[in-house]
N, C-alpha and C. Protein backbone atom coordinates (compact mmCIF):
# COMPACT_ATOMS: atom_id res chain seq x y z
N MET A 1 119.60 11.37 250.93
CA MET A 1 119.79 12.47 251.87
C MET A 1 120.90 13.38 251.35
N TYR A 2 120.68 14.67 251.47
CA TYR A 2 121.71 15.61 251.06
C TYR A 2 122.23 16.37 252.27
N LEU A 3 123.43 16.92 252.16
CA LEU A 3 124.09 17.58 253.28
C LEU A 3 123.29 18.76 253.82
N GLY A 4 122.56 19.44 252.95
CA GLY A 4 121.77 20.59 253.37
C GLY A 4 120.69 20.25 254.38
N GLN A 5 120.30 18.99 254.45
CA GLN A 5 119.28 18.59 255.42
C GLN A 5 119.77 18.76 256.86
N ASN A 6 121.07 18.84 257.05
CA ASN A 6 121.62 19.04 258.40
C ASN A 6 121.58 20.50 258.82
N LEU A 7 121.16 21.38 257.93
CA LEU A 7 121.06 22.80 258.24
C LEU A 7 119.68 23.10 258.80
N THR A 8 119.63 24.06 259.73
CA THR A 8 118.38 24.39 260.39
C THR A 8 118.07 25.87 260.24
N PRO A 9 116.85 26.22 259.86
CA PRO A 9 116.49 27.64 259.80
C PRO A 9 116.78 28.32 261.14
N GLY A 10 117.34 29.53 261.05
CA GLY A 10 117.72 30.28 262.23
C GLY A 10 119.22 30.19 262.53
N GLU A 11 119.86 29.14 262.02
CA GLU A 11 121.31 29.00 262.21
C GLU A 11 122.06 30.05 261.41
N THR A 12 123.27 30.35 261.85
CA THR A 12 124.16 31.24 261.12
C THR A 12 125.23 30.39 260.45
N ILE A 13 125.56 30.74 259.20
CA ILE A 13 126.57 30.01 258.46
C ILE A 13 127.27 30.99 257.53
N ASP A 14 128.58 30.83 257.36
CA ASP A 14 129.29 31.76 256.48
C ASP A 14 129.23 31.29 255.03
N LEU A 15 129.49 32.22 254.12
CA LEU A 15 129.38 31.92 252.69
C LEU A 15 130.38 30.87 252.24
N ALA A 16 131.57 30.83 252.82
CA ALA A 16 132.56 29.82 252.42
C ALA A 16 132.07 28.42 252.74
N ARG A 17 131.47 28.24 253.90
CA ARG A 17 130.95 26.91 254.27
C ARG A 17 129.77 26.52 253.37
N LEU A 18 128.92 27.49 253.08
CA LEU A 18 127.80 27.21 252.17
C LEU A 18 128.31 26.80 250.79
N ARG A 19 129.33 27.48 250.33
CA ARG A 19 129.90 27.15 249.02
C ARG A 19 130.45 25.72 249.01
N ALA A 20 131.13 25.33 250.08
CA ALA A 20 131.67 23.97 250.18
C ALA A 20 130.54 22.95 250.20
N LEU A 21 129.47 23.22 250.93
CA LEU A 21 128.32 22.31 250.97
C LEU A 21 127.68 22.21 249.59
N LYS A 22 127.54 23.33 248.91
CA LYS A 22 126.94 23.34 247.58
C LYS A 22 127.76 22.50 246.61
N GLU A 23 129.07 22.66 246.64
CA GLU A 23 129.93 21.92 245.72
C GLU A 23 129.93 20.43 246.03
N ALA A 24 129.83 20.07 247.30
CA ALA A 24 129.83 18.66 247.69
C ALA A 24 128.48 18.00 247.44
N ASP A 25 127.43 18.77 247.37
CA ASP A 25 126.08 18.21 247.37
C ASP A 25 125.21 18.57 246.18
N GLU A 26 125.66 19.47 245.32
CA GLU A 26 124.86 19.87 244.16
C GLU A 26 123.49 20.40 244.54
N MET A 27 123.42 21.15 245.63
CA MET A 27 122.17 21.78 246.01
C MET A 27 122.19 23.24 245.58
N GLU A 28 121.01 23.83 245.47
CA GLU A 28 120.89 25.24 245.16
C GLU A 28 121.03 26.02 246.46
N VAL A 29 121.77 27.12 246.41
CA VAL A 29 121.86 28.03 247.55
C VAL A 29 121.48 29.41 247.04
N TRP A 30 120.42 29.97 247.61
CA TRP A 30 119.91 31.28 247.22
C TRP A 30 120.22 32.29 248.31
N VAL A 31 120.91 33.35 247.94
CA VAL A 31 121.30 34.41 248.87
C VAL A 31 120.33 35.58 248.70
N TYR A 32 119.67 35.97 249.78
CA TYR A 32 118.71 37.08 249.76
C TYR A 32 119.31 38.27 250.49
N PHE A 33 118.97 39.47 249.99
CA PHE A 33 119.44 40.72 250.59
C PHE A 33 118.31 41.46 251.29
N ASP A 34 117.07 41.07 251.02
CA ASP A 34 115.88 41.71 251.58
C ASP A 34 115.22 40.75 252.56
N GLU A 35 115.19 41.13 253.83
CA GLU A 35 114.69 40.24 254.87
C GLU A 35 113.22 39.89 254.70
N ASP A 36 112.38 40.88 254.40
CA ASP A 36 110.95 40.59 254.23
C ASP A 36 110.71 39.60 253.10
N LEU A 37 111.36 39.81 251.98
CA LEU A 37 111.19 38.91 250.84
C LEU A 37 111.69 37.51 251.19
N ALA A 38 112.83 37.43 251.84
CA ALA A 38 113.40 36.13 252.19
C ALA A 38 112.47 35.32 253.08
N ARG A 39 111.80 36.00 253.99
CA ARG A 39 110.98 35.30 254.98
C ARG A 39 109.55 35.02 254.51
N THR A 40 109.06 35.78 253.53
CA THR A 40 107.64 35.67 253.19
C THR A 40 107.35 35.13 251.80
N SER A 41 108.36 34.91 250.99
CA SER A 41 108.12 34.51 249.61
C SER A 41 108.84 33.20 249.30
N SER A 42 108.43 32.59 248.21
CA SER A 42 109.09 31.36 247.76
C SER A 42 110.08 31.68 246.65
N ILE A 43 111.04 30.82 246.44
CA ILE A 43 112.01 31.01 245.37
C ILE A 43 111.30 31.07 244.02
N GLU A 44 110.34 30.18 243.80
CA GLU A 44 109.61 30.16 242.53
C GLU A 44 108.89 31.48 242.29
N ALA A 45 108.21 31.99 243.31
CA ALA A 45 107.49 33.27 243.18
C ALA A 45 108.46 34.40 242.90
N ASP A 46 109.60 34.38 243.56
CA ASP A 46 110.59 35.45 243.37
C ASP A 46 111.21 35.39 241.97
N LEU A 47 111.52 34.19 241.49
CA LEU A 47 112.07 34.06 240.15
C LEU A 47 111.08 34.58 239.10
N GLN A 48 109.80 34.30 239.33
CA GLN A 48 108.78 34.78 238.40
C GLN A 48 108.61 36.30 238.51
N ALA A 49 108.54 36.82 239.72
CA ALA A 49 108.31 38.26 239.93
C ALA A 49 109.47 39.11 239.40
N PHE A 50 110.69 38.59 239.45
CA PHE A 50 111.87 39.35 239.04
C PHE A 50 112.47 38.82 237.72
N GLU A 51 111.65 38.14 236.95
CA GLU A 51 112.10 37.53 235.70
C GLU A 51 112.77 38.52 234.75
N PHE A 52 112.26 39.74 234.69
CA PHE A 52 112.78 40.72 233.74
C PHE A 52 113.73 41.73 234.38
N VAL A 53 114.16 41.45 235.60
CA VAL A 53 115.13 42.31 236.30
C VAL A 53 116.50 41.67 236.16
N ALA A 54 117.49 42.47 235.82
CA ALA A 54 118.86 41.95 235.69
C ALA A 54 119.30 41.32 237.01
N GLU A 55 120.00 40.21 236.92
CA GLU A 55 120.41 39.46 238.12
C GLU A 55 121.06 40.33 239.20
N PRO A 56 122.02 41.17 238.86
CA PRO A 56 122.66 41.97 239.92
C PRO A 56 121.71 42.97 240.59
N ALA A 57 120.59 43.28 239.96
CA ALA A 57 119.64 44.23 240.53
C ALA A 57 118.54 43.56 241.36
N ARG A 58 118.48 42.24 241.34
CA ARG A 58 117.47 41.52 242.11
C ARG A 58 117.83 41.52 243.60
N PRO A 59 116.82 41.36 244.46
CA PRO A 59 117.11 41.28 245.90
C PRO A 59 117.52 39.87 246.36
N PHE A 60 117.90 39.02 245.42
CA PHE A 60 118.38 37.66 245.71
C PHE A 60 119.20 37.20 244.52
N ILE A 61 120.05 36.20 244.76
CA ILE A 61 120.89 35.65 243.69
C ILE A 61 121.37 34.27 244.10
N GLU A 62 121.60 33.43 243.13
CA GLU A 62 122.12 32.09 243.42
C GLU A 62 123.59 32.24 243.84
N LEU A 63 124.03 31.43 244.79
CA LEU A 63 125.35 31.59 245.41
C LEU A 63 126.50 31.61 244.41
N ARG A 64 126.52 30.69 243.46
CA ARG A 64 127.61 30.65 242.48
C ARG A 64 127.68 31.96 241.70
N ARG A 65 126.52 32.48 241.30
CA ARG A 65 126.46 33.73 240.55
C ARG A 65 126.86 34.92 241.44
N PHE A 66 126.52 34.84 242.72
CA PHE A 66 126.91 35.89 243.67
C PHE A 66 128.44 35.98 243.74
N PHE A 67 129.10 34.83 243.89
CA PHE A 67 130.56 34.83 243.95
C PHE A 67 131.16 35.34 242.63
N GLN A 68 130.60 34.94 241.50
CA GLN A 68 131.10 35.42 240.20
C GLN A 68 130.98 36.94 240.09
N TYR A 69 129.82 37.46 240.46
CA TYR A 69 129.59 38.89 240.37
C TYR A 69 130.53 39.65 241.30
N MET A 70 130.62 39.20 242.55
CA MET A 70 131.47 39.91 243.51
C MET A 70 132.95 39.84 243.12
N GLU A 71 133.38 38.71 242.59
CA GLU A 71 134.77 38.57 242.16
C GLU A 71 135.06 39.52 241.00
N SER A 72 134.08 39.76 240.12
CA SER A 72 134.28 40.69 239.00
C SER A 72 134.38 42.13 239.49
N ARG A 73 133.76 42.43 240.61
CA ARG A 73 133.78 43.78 241.19
C ARG A 73 134.96 43.98 242.14
N GLU A 74 135.27 42.93 242.90
CA GLU A 74 136.34 42.98 243.90
C GLU A 74 137.22 41.75 243.76
N PRO A 75 138.26 41.81 242.93
CA PRO A 75 139.15 40.65 242.79
C PRO A 75 139.66 40.19 244.16
N GLY A 76 139.63 38.88 244.38
CA GLY A 76 140.04 38.32 245.67
C GLY A 76 138.88 38.11 246.62
N PHE A 77 137.68 38.52 246.23
CA PHE A 77 136.51 38.39 247.10
C PHE A 77 136.24 36.94 247.47
N THR A 78 136.41 36.03 246.53
CA THR A 78 136.10 34.62 246.76
C THR A 78 136.82 34.08 247.98
N GLY A 79 138.04 34.48 248.20
CA GLY A 79 138.80 34.02 249.35
C GLY A 79 138.32 34.59 250.67
N ARG A 80 137.53 35.66 250.61
CA ARG A 80 137.02 36.29 251.84
C ARG A 80 135.61 35.85 252.18
N GLY A 81 135.06 34.88 251.47
CA GLY A 81 133.67 34.46 251.71
C GLY A 81 133.40 33.99 253.12
N GLY A 82 134.42 33.53 253.81
CA GLY A 82 134.25 33.09 255.18
C GLY A 82 133.98 34.21 256.15
N ASP A 83 134.20 35.44 255.70
CA ASP A 83 133.97 36.61 256.55
C ASP A 83 132.52 37.08 256.52
N MET A 84 131.73 36.52 255.63
CA MET A 84 130.36 36.99 255.46
C MET A 84 129.37 35.99 256.03
N GLU A 85 128.65 36.42 257.04
CA GLU A 85 127.69 35.56 257.73
C GLU A 85 126.31 35.66 257.10
N THR A 86 125.62 34.54 257.07
CA THR A 86 124.23 34.49 256.60
C THR A 86 123.38 33.77 257.63
N GLU A 87 122.10 34.02 257.59
CA GLU A 87 121.14 33.29 258.42
C GLU A 87 120.37 32.35 257.51
N ILE A 88 120.27 31.11 257.90
CA ILE A 88 119.49 30.14 257.13
C ILE A 88 118.02 30.44 257.37
N VAL A 89 117.29 30.68 256.27
CA VAL A 89 115.87 31.02 256.34
C VAL A 89 115.01 29.79 256.04
N ALA A 90 115.43 28.99 255.06
CA ALA A 90 114.65 27.81 254.68
C ALA A 90 115.55 26.75 254.07
N VAL A 91 115.15 25.50 254.24
CA VAL A 91 115.83 24.35 253.66
C VAL A 91 114.74 23.44 253.12
N GLY A 92 114.92 22.94 251.91
CA GLY A 92 113.89 22.06 251.37
C GLY A 92 114.23 21.58 249.97
N GLU A 93 113.19 21.24 249.23
CA GLU A 93 113.33 20.82 247.84
C GLU A 93 112.31 21.59 247.02
N ARG A 94 112.67 21.86 245.77
CA ARG A 94 111.77 22.55 244.86
C ARG A 94 111.86 21.90 243.49
N GLU A 95 110.81 22.05 242.72
CA GLU A 95 110.79 21.54 241.36
C GLU A 95 111.48 22.55 240.45
N ALA A 96 112.46 22.08 239.69
CA ALA A 96 113.21 22.96 238.79
C ALA A 96 113.62 22.16 237.56
N TYR A 97 113.83 22.87 236.47
CA TYR A 97 114.28 22.19 235.26
C TYR A 97 115.77 21.95 235.31
N CYS A 98 116.16 20.71 235.06
CA CYS A 98 117.56 20.30 234.94
C CYS A 98 117.69 19.85 233.49
N ALA A 99 118.35 20.67 232.69
CA ALA A 99 118.38 20.46 231.24
C ALA A 99 116.94 20.56 230.75
N CYS A 100 116.37 19.50 230.23
CA CYS A 100 115.00 19.54 229.71
C CYS A 100 114.00 18.83 230.60
N ALA A 101 114.44 18.31 231.72
CA ALA A 101 113.55 17.52 232.58
C ALA A 101 113.26 18.26 233.89
N LEU A 102 112.02 18.16 234.33
CA LEU A 102 111.63 18.73 235.61
C LEU A 102 112.02 17.75 236.70
N CYS A 103 112.78 18.23 237.69
CA CYS A 103 113.24 17.32 238.75
C CYS A 103 113.22 18.05 240.09
N SER A 104 113.29 17.28 241.14
CA SER A 104 113.31 17.82 242.49
C SER A 104 114.74 18.22 242.83
N ARG A 105 114.93 19.47 243.29
CA ARG A 105 116.26 19.98 243.60
C ARG A 105 116.30 20.44 245.06
N PRO A 106 117.27 19.98 245.84
CA PRO A 106 117.42 20.49 247.20
C PRO A 106 117.89 21.94 247.16
N TYR A 107 117.42 22.74 248.13
CA TYR A 107 117.84 24.14 248.19
C TYR A 107 118.01 24.60 249.63
N VAL A 108 118.78 25.67 249.77
CA VAL A 108 118.94 26.38 251.02
C VAL A 108 118.75 27.85 250.69
N LYS A 109 117.89 28.52 251.44
CA LYS A 109 117.67 29.96 251.27
C LYS A 109 118.29 30.65 252.48
N VAL A 110 119.19 31.63 252.22
CA VAL A 110 119.86 32.34 253.30
C VAL A 110 119.69 33.83 253.14
N LEU A 111 119.78 34.54 254.27
CA LEU A 111 119.72 35.99 254.30
C LEU A 111 121.11 36.50 254.65
N LEU A 112 121.67 37.34 253.79
CA LEU A 112 122.99 37.90 254.03
C LEU A 112 122.90 38.93 255.15
N ARG A 113 123.76 38.80 256.12
CA ARG A 113 123.77 39.70 257.28
C ARG A 113 124.84 40.75 257.13
């Protein structure tokens, strides 16, 4: 069991708490900026559809990369992550490559509010 299983779609959670859960549990957290895409598409489909789009230009990003990007644009952003609310859209597991092996990875998909 992973900590993300205690999250429920529709709940609100701030980015700082999500980051703490991610670090404690090694789950993927995907932050979406487009509500329609977040609610109607899968992470796998989105990764494939936006494969050739630069990460900062995509309508979604993995949480760790989001913090890295925002910190490069706004120094000190990481400490303000608790001010940003997200809505949990989906919680589950997906098949992803870990090094060279295909494995099941827990994930949380959130919509930035």
